[in-house]
PDB file of N, CA and C in Angstrom:
ATOM      1  N   UNK A   1       0.998  -1.353  -0.272  1.00  0.00           N
ATOM      2  CA  UNK A   1       0.150   0.045  -0.043  1.00  0.00           C
ATOM      3  C   UNK A   1       1.072   1.435   0.241  1.00  0.00           C
ATOM      4  N   UNK A   2       0.392   2.304  -0.618  1.00  0.00           N
ATOM      5  CA  UNK A   2       1.218   3.500  -1.009  1.00  0.00           C
ATOM      6  C   UNK A   2       0.935   4.089   0.102  1.00  0.00           C
ATOM      7  N   UNK A   3       1.842   5.186   0.751  1.00  0.00           N
ATOM      8  CA  UNK A   3       1.104   6.237   1.379  1.00  0.00           C
ATOM      9  C   UNK A   3       0.941   7.261   0.579  1.00  0.00           C
ATOM     10  N   UNK A   4      -0.088   8.152   1.321  1.00  0.00           N
ATOM     11  CA  UNK A   4      -0.254   9.122   0.442  1.00  0.00           C
ATOM     12  C   UNK A   4       0.459  10.811   1.110  1.00  0.00           C
ATOM     13  N   UNK A   5       1.385  10.371   2.054  1.00  0.00           N
ATOM     14  CA  UNK A   5       2.026  11.470   2.616  1.00  0.00           C
ATOM     15  C   UNK A   5       2.806  12.152   1.680  1.00  0.00           C
ATOM     16  N   UNK A   6       3.529  11.549   0.625  1.00  0.00           N
ATOM     17  CA  UNK A   6       4.482  12.327  -0.213  1.00  0.00           C
ATOM     18  C   UNK A   6       3.622  11.937  -1.836  1.00  0.00           C
ATOM     19  N   UNK A   7       3.457  12.887  -2.459  1.00  0.00           N
ATOM     20  CA  UNK A   7       2.770  12.330  -3.718  1.00  0.00           C
ATOM     21  C   UNK A   7       3.403  12.991  -4.973  1.00  0.00           C
ATOM     22  N   UNK A   8       2.968  12.765  -6.211  1.00  0.00           N
ATOM     23  CA  UNK A   8       3.634  13.418  -7.011  1.00  0.00           C
ATOM     24  C   UNK A   8       3.441  15.025  -7.360  1.00  0.00           C
ATOM     25  N   UNK A   9       2.678  15.237  -6.473  1.00  0.00           N
ATOM     26  CA  UNK A   9       2.076  16.980  -6.731  1.00  0.00           C
ATOM     27  C   UNK A   9       2.998  17.780  -5.247  1.00  0.00           C
ATOM     28  N   UNK A  10       3.568  17.279  -4.986  1.00  0.00           N
ATOM     29  CA  UNK A  10       4.498  18.041  -3.703  1.00  0.00           C
ATOM     30  C   UNK A  10       5.399  18.847  -4.401  1.00  0.00           C
ATOM     31  N   UNK A  11       5.081  20.614  -3.732  1.00  0.00           N
ATOM     32  CA  UNK A  11       5.799  20.963  -3.964  1.00  0.00           C
ATOM     33  C   UNK A  11       6.900  21.539  -3.497  1.00  0.00           C
ATOM     34  N   UNK A  12       7.684  20.588  -3.065  1.00  0.00           N
ATOM     35  CA  UNK A  12       9.177  20.842  -2.798  1.00  0.00           C
ATOM     36  C   UNK A  12       9.851  21.550  -3.891  1.00  0.00           C
ATOM     37  N   UNK A  13      11.142  21.024  -3.844  1.00  0.00           N
ATOM     38  CA  UNK A  13      11.951  22.107  -4.922  1.00  0.00           C
ATOM     39  C   UNK A  13      12.363  20.889  -5.517  1.00  0.00           C
ATOM     40  N   UNK A  14      12.133  21.031  -7.012  1.00  0.00           N
ATOM     41  CA  UNK A  14      12.720  20.039  -8.099  1.00  0.00           C
ATOM     42  C   UNK A  14      14.202  19.783  -8.029  1.00  0.00           C
ATOM     43  N   UNK A  15      14.921  21.165  -8.005  1.00  0.00           N
ATOM     44  CA  UNK A  15      16.039  21.055  -8.082  1.00  0.00           C
ATOM     45  C   UNK A  15      16.755  20.326  -7.362  1.00  0.00           C
ATOM     46  N   UNK A  16      16.723  20.301  -5.726  1.00  0.00           N
ATOM     47  CA  UNK A  16      17.313  19.423  -4.673  1.00  0.00           C
ATOM     48  C   UNK A  16      16.695  18.193  -4.602  1.00  0.00           C
ATOM     49  N   UNK A  17      15.056  18.101  -5.127  1.00  0.00           N
ATOM     50  CA  UNK A  17      14.803  17.396  -4.855  1.00  0.00           C
ATOM     51  C   UNK A  17      14.192  16.803  -3.117  1.00  0.00           C
ATOM     52  N   UNK A  18      13.649  17.667  -2.611  1.00  0.00           N
ATOM     53  CA  UNK A  18      13.520  17.156  -1.493  1.00  0.00           C
ATOM     54  C   UNK A  18      13.115  16.308  -0.606  1.00  0.00           C
ATOM     55  N   UNK A  19      11.950  15.547  -1.210  1.00  0.00           N
ATOM     56  CA  UNK A  19      11.263  14.582  -0.813  1.00  0.00           C
ATOM     57  C   UNK A  19      11.392  13.162  -1.698  1.00  0.00           C
ATOM     58  N   UNK A  20      11.499  12.098  -1.597  1.00  0.00           N
ATOM     59  CA  UNK A  20      11.429  10.646  -2.008  1.00  0.00           C
ATOM     60  C   UNK A  20      10.202  10.234  -1.865  1.00  0.00           C
ATOM     61  N   UNK A  21       9.542  10.257  -3.319  1.00  0.00           N
ATOM     62  CA  UNK A  21       7.800   9.687  -3.046  1.00  0.00           C
ATOM     63  C   UNK A  21       8.029   8.262  -4.158  1.00  0.00           C
ATOM     64  N   UNK A  22       6.984   7.259  -2.946  1.00  0.00           N
ATOM     65  CA  UNK A  22       7.080   6.200  -3.609  1.00  0.00           C
ATOM     66  C   UNK A  22       5.700   5.794  -4.241  1.00  0.00           C
ATOM     67  N   UNK A  23       5.976   5.479  -5.599  1.00  0.00           N
ATOM     68  CA  UNK A  23       4.989   5.204  -6.852  1.00  0.00           C
ATOM     69  C   UNK A  23       5.161   3.749  -7.317  1.00  0.00           C
ATOM     70  N   UNK A  24       3.810   3.247  -7.982  1.00  0.00           N
ATOM     71  CA  UNK A  24       3.658   1.726  -7.937  1.00  0.00           C
ATOM     72  C   UNK A  24       3.512   2.419  -9.913  1.00  0.00           C
ATOM     73  N   UNK A  25       4.356   1.186 -10.374  1.00  0.00           N
ATOM     74  CA  UNK A  25       4.287   1.376 -11.953  1.00  0.00           C
ATOM     75  C   UNK A  25       3.099   0.995 -12.367  1.00  0.00           C
ATOM     76  N   UNK A  26       2.499   1.702 -13.548  1.00  0.00           N
ATOM     77  CA  UNK A  26       1.542   1.468 -14.163  1.00  0.00           C
ATOM     78  C   UNK A  26       1.708   0.746 -15.297  1.00  0.00           C
ATOM     79  N   UNK A  27       2.687   1.526 -16.129  1.00  0.00           N
ATOM     80  CA  UNK A  27       2.997   0.925 -17.400  1.00  0.00           C
ATOM     81  C   UNK A  27       4.683   0.947 -17.728  1.00  0.00           C
ATOM     82  N   UNK A  28       5.143   0.343 -18.870  1.00  0.00           N
ATOM     83  CA  UNK A  28       6.508   0.733 -19.079  1.00  0.00           C
ATOM     84  C   UNK A  28       6.740   0.731 -20.363  1.00  0.00           C
ATOM     85  N   UNK A  29       7.639   1.702 -20.914  1.00  0.00           N
ATOM     86  CA  UNK A  29       7.991   2.194 -22.549  1.00  0.00           C
ATOM     87  C   UNK A  29       9.318   2.062 -22.303  1.00  0.00           C
ATOM     88  N   UNK A  30      10.169   1.417 -22.648  1.00  0.00           N
ATOM     89  CA  UNK A  30      11.434   1.935 -22.900  1.00  0.00           C
ATOM     90  C   UNK A  30      12.212   2.393 -21.152  1.00  0.00           C
ATOM     91  N   UNK A  31      12.853   3.128 -21.334  1.00  0.00           N
ATOM     92  CA  UNK A  31      13.230   3.396 -20.039  1.00  0.00           C
ATOM     93  C   UNK A  31      12.502   4.764 -19.448  1.00  0.00           C
ATOM     94  N   UNK A  32      11.420   4.744 -19.593  1.00  0.00           N
ATOM     95  CA  UNK A  32      10.313   5.573 -19.013  1.00  0.00           C
ATOM     96  C   UNK A  32       9.057   4.716 -18.453  1.00  0.00           C
ATOM     97  N   UNK A  33       8.480   5.228 -17.470  1.00  0.00           N
ATOM     98  CA  UNK A  33       7.445   4.412 -16.632  1.00  0.00           C
ATOM     99  C   UNK A  33       6.188   5.185 -16.451  1.00  0.00           C
ATOM    100  N   UNK A  34       5.334   4.923 -16.630  1.00  0.00           N
ATOM    101  CA  UNK A  34       3.745   5.545 -16.153  1.00  0.00           C
ATOM    102  C   UNK A  34       3.963   5.051 -14.671  1.00  0.00           C
ATOM    103  N   UNK A  35       3.642   6.231 -13.727  1.00  0.00           N
ATOM    104  CA  UNK A  35       3.894   5.512 -12.434  1.00  0.00           C
ATOM    105  C   UNK A  35       2.363   6.460 -11.647  1.00  0.00           C
ATOM    106  N   UNK A  36       2.169   6.004 -10.171  1.00  0.00           N
ATOM    107  CA  UNK A  36       1.128   6.455  -9.672  1.00  0.00           C
ATOM    108  C   UNK A  36       1.278   6.506  -8.358  1.00  0.00           C
ATOM    109  N   UNK A  37       1.099   7.514  -7.404  1.00  0.00           N
ATOM    110  CA  UNK A  37       1.521   7.857  -6.133  1.00  0.00           C
ATOM    111  C   UNK A  37       0.138   7.197  -5.342  1.00  0.00           C
ATOM    112  N   UNK A  38       0.128   8.031  -4.125  1.00  0.00           N
ATOM    113  CA  UNK A  38      -0.880   7.398  -3.114  1.00  0.00           C
ATOM    114  C   UNK A  38      -1.820   7.320  -3.448  1.00  0.00           C
ATOM    115  N   UNK A  39      -2.374   8.768  -4.168  1.00  0.00           N
ATOM    116  CA  UNK A  39      -3.424   9.481  -4.424  1.00  0.00           C
ATOM    117  C   UNK A  39      -3.914   9.152  -5.214  1.00  0.00           C
ATOM    118  N   UNK A  40      -3.500   8.496  -6.177  1.00  0.00           N
ATOM    119  CA  UNK A  40      -3.985   8.649  -7.527  1.00  0.00           C
ATOM    120  C   UNK A  40      -3.118   9.406  -8.810  1.00  0.00           C
ATOM    121  N   UNK A  41      -2.179  10.217  -8.364  1.00  0.00           N
ATOM    122  CA  UNK A  41      -1.235  11.221  -9.217  1.00  0.00           C
ATOM    123  C   UNK A  41      -1.054  10.389 -10.346  1.00  0.00           C
ATOM    124  N   UNK A  42      -0.688  10.659 -11.095  1.00  0.00           N
ATOM    125  CA  UNK A  42      -0.004  10.019 -12.410  1.00  0.00           C
ATOM    126  C   UNK A  42       1.254  10.690 -12.997  1.00  0.00           C
ATOM    127  N   UNK A  43       2.339  10.182 -13.360  1.00  0.00           N
ATOM    128  CA  UNK A  43       3.350  11.144 -14.194  1.00  0.00           C
ATOM    129  C   UNK A  43       4.809  10.140 -14.371  1.00  0.00           C
ATOM    130  N   UNK A  44       5.489  10.276 -15.466  1.00  0.00           N
ATOM    131  CA  UNK A  44       6.353   9.630 -16.276  1.00  0.00           C
ATOM    132  C   UNK A  44       7.511   9.934 -15.360  1.00  0.00           C
ATOM    133  N   UNK A  45       8.130   8.691 -15.211  1.00  0.00           N
ATOM    134  CA  UNK A  45       9.095   8.350 -14.732  1.00  0.00           C
ATOM    135  C   UNK A  45      10.367   7.878 -15.115  1.00  0.00           C
ATOM    136  N   UNK A  46      11.709   8.347 -14.967  1.00  0.00           N
ATOM    137  CA  UNK A  46      12.890   7.810 -15.845  1.00  0.00           C
ATOM    138  C   UNK A  46      13.234   6.276 -14.949  1.00  0.00           C
ATOM    139  N   UNK A  47      13.542   5.645 -15.546  1.00  0.00           N
ATOM    140  CA  UNK A  47      13.724   4.212 -14.584  1.00  0.00           C
ATOM    141  C   UNK A  47      14.937   3.417 -14.701  1.00  0.00           C
ATOM    142  N   UNK A  48      15.922   3.962 -15.750  1.00  0.00           N
ATOM    143  CA  UNK A  48      16.978   3.577 -15.952  1.00  0.00           C
ATOM    144  C   UNK A  48      17.810   2.931 -14.928  1.00  0.00           C
ATOM    145  N   UNK A  49      17.757   3.569 -14.241  1.00  0.00           N
ATOM    146  CA  UNK A  49      18.740   3.684 -12.971  1.00  0.00           C
ATOM    147  C   UNK A  49      18.475   2.069 -12.176  1.00  0.00           C
ATOM    148  N   UNK A  50      17.300   1.864 -12.145  1.00  0.00           N
ATOM    149  CA  UNK A  50      16.698   0.675 -10.940  1.00  0.00           C
ATOM    150  C   UNK A  50      16.329  -0.452 -11.831  1.00  0.00           C
ATOM    151  N   UNK A  51      16.559  -0.492 -13.067  1.00  0.00           N
ATOM    152  CA  UNK A  51      16.404  -1.433 -14.518  1.00  0.00           C
ATOM    153  C   UNK A  51      17.065  -2.625 -13.722  1.00  0.00           C
ATOM    154  N   UNK A  52      16.067  -4.043 -13.970  1.00  0.00           N
ATOM    155  CA  UNK A  52      14.534  -3.717 -14.622  1.00  0.00           C
ATOM    156  C   UNK A  52      13.681  -3.520 -13.617  1.00  0.00           C
ATOM    157  N   UNK A  53      12.560  -3.056 -14.582  1.00  0.00           N
ATOM    158  CA  UNK A  53      11.178  -2.654 -13.761  1.00  0.00           C
ATOM    159  C   UNK A  53      10.224  -3.268 -14.237  1.00  0.00           C
ATOM    160  N   UNK A  54       9.222  -4.179 -13.296  1.00  0.00           N
ATOM    161  CA  UNK A  54       8.078  -4.428 -13.586  1.00  0.00           C
ATOM    162  C   UNK A  54       6.771  -3.668 -13.675  1.00  0.00           C
ATOM    163  N   UNK A  55       5.250  -4.109 -14.250  1.00  0.00           N
ATOM    164  CA  UNK A  55       4.408  -3.234 -14.099  1.00  0.00           C
ATOM    165  C   UNK A  55       4.331  -4.066 -12.566  1.00  0.00           C
ATOM    166  N   UNK A  56       3.605  -2.702 -11.551  1.00  0.00           N
ATOM    167  CA  UNK A  56       3.195  -3.511 -10.405  1.00  0.00           C
ATOM    168  C   UNK A  56       4.256  -2.818  -9.144  1.00  0.00           C
ATOM    169  N   UNK A  57       5.569  -2.896  -9.535  1.00  0.00           N
ATOM    170  CA  UNK A  57       6.943  -2.554  -8.679  1.00  0.00           C
ATOM    171  C   UNK A  57       6.272  -1.385  -8.179  1.00  0.00           C
ATOM    172  N   UNK A  58       6.700  -0.923  -6.818  1.00  0.00           N
ATOM    173  CA  UNK A  58       6.802   0.051  -6.495  1.00  0.00           C
ATOM    174  C   UNK A  58       8.209   0.539  -6.322  1.00  0.00           C
ATOM    175  N   UNK A  59       8.447   2.022  -6.758  1.00  0.00           N
ATOM    176  CA  UNK A  59       9.593   2.622  -6.917  1.00  0.00           C
ATOM    177  C   UNK A  59       9.775   3.731  -5.696  1.00  0.00           C
ATOM    178  N   UNK A  60      10.801   4.147  -5.377  1.00  0.00           N
ATOM    179  CA  UNK A  60      11.208   5.545  -4.795  1.00  0.00           C
ATOM    180  C   UNK A  60      11.569   6.596  -5.936  1.00  0.00           C
ATOM    181  N   UNK A  61      11.058   7.401  -5.820  1.00  0.00           N
ATOM    182  CA  UNK A  61      11.333   8.890  -6.884  1.00  0.00           C
ATOM    183  C   UNK A  61      11.619   9.784  -6.307  1.00  0.00           C
ATOM    184  N   UNK A  62      12.508  10.466  -6.938  1.00  0.00           N
ATOM    185  CA  UNK A  62      13.503  11.619  -6.424  1.00  0.00           C
ATOM    186  C   UNK A  62      13.595  12.681  -8.006  1.00  0.00           C
ATOM    187  N   UNK A  63      12.587  13.701  -7.576  1.00  0.00           N
ATOM    188  CA  UNK A  63      13.232  14.668  -8.871  1.00  0.00           C
ATOM    189  C   UNK A  63      12.735  13.988 -10.750  1.00  0.00           C
ATOM    190  N   UNK A  64      11.782  12.681 -10.227  1.00  0.00           N
ATOM    191  CA  UNK A  64      11.035  12.408 -11.688  1.00  0.00           C
ATOM    192  C   UNK A  64      11.868  11.355 -12.447  1.00  0.00           C
ATOM    193  N   UNK A  65      13.125  11.008 -11.345  1.00  0.00           N
ATOM    194  CA  UNK A  65      13.802   9.794 -11.311  1.00  0.00           C
ATOM    195  C   UNK A  65      13.511   8.561 -10.730  1.00  0.00           C
ATOM    196  N   UNK A  66      13.346   7.337 -11.214  1.00  0.00           N
ATOM    197  CA  UNK A  66      13.442   6.198  -9.996  1.00  0.00           C
ATOM    198  C   UNK A  66      14.867   6.393  -9.175  1.00  0.00           C
ATOM    199  N   UNK A  67      15.151   6.221  -7.884  1.00  0.00           N
ATOM    200  CA  UNK A  67      16.271   6.203  -7.605  1.00  0.00           C
ATOM    201  C   UNK A  67      16.705   4.489  -6.483  1.00  0.00           C
ATOM    202  N   UNK A  68      15.077   3.808  -6.536  1.00  0.00           N
ATOM    203  CA  UNK A  68      15.295   2.839  -5.839  1.00  0.00           C
ATOM    204  C   UNK A  68      14.116   1.849  -6.185  1.00  0.00           C
ATOM    205  N   UNK A  69      14.042   0.660  -5.755  1.00  0.00           N
ATOM    206  CA  UNK A  69      12.901  -0.359  -5.683  1.00  0.00           C
ATOM    207  C   UNK A  69      12.665  -0.313  -4.126  1.00  0.00           C
ATOM    208  N   UNK A  70      11.152  -0.447  -3.702  1.00  0.00           N
ATOM    209  CA  UNK A  70      11.262  -0.694  -2.224  1.00  0.00           C
ATOM    210  C   UNK A  70      10.117  -2.135  -2.339  1.00  0.00           C
ATOM    211  N   UNK A  71      10.486  -2.662  -1.528  1.00  0.00           N
ATOM    212  CA  UNK A  71       9.656  -3.818  -1.372  1.00  0.00           C
ATOM    213  C   UNK A  71       8.404  -4.059  -0.205  1.00  0.00           C
ATOM    214  N   UNK A  72       7.416  -4.266  -0.761  1.00  0.00           N
ATOM    215  CA  UNK A  72       6.276  -4.064   0.433  1.00  0.00           C
ATOM    216  C   UNK A  72       6.279  -4.661   1.185  1.00  0.00           C
ATOM    217  N   UNK A  73       6.218  -4.600   2.659  1.00  0.00           N
ATOM    218  CA  UNK A  73       5.747  -5.212   3.639  1.00  0.00           C
ATOM    219  C   UNK A  73       4.936  -5.654   4.287  1.00  0.00           C
ATOM    220  N   UNK A  74       4.714  -7.126   4.021  1.00  0.00           N
ATOM    221  CA  UNK A  74       3.827  -7.851   4.481  1.00  0.00           C
ATOM    222  C   UNK A  74       3.487  -8.497   5.671  1.00  0.00           C
ATOM    223  N   UNK A  75       2.087  -7.947   6.451  1.00  0.00           N
ATOM    224  CA  UNK A  75       1.868  -8.143   7.765  1.00  0.00           C
ATOM    225  C   UNK A  75       1.232  -9.289   8.076  1.00  0.00           C
TER     226      UNK A  75
END
């Protein structure tokens, strides 16, 4: 489950990207993926740094770039 506390519409500094936003991959096209945050906002994210990526993966994004994969905690 994605937390709605950090979203793609966060108005922090894009240059220093002061927030890491968790998103779920909706679709993939080359080195870019359409991703959705916890409240339903969608955006294109560059994923070449964390490839390979699959639909359904949860990524941590920073300034429109995926910087890591997040494993879901199952309780």
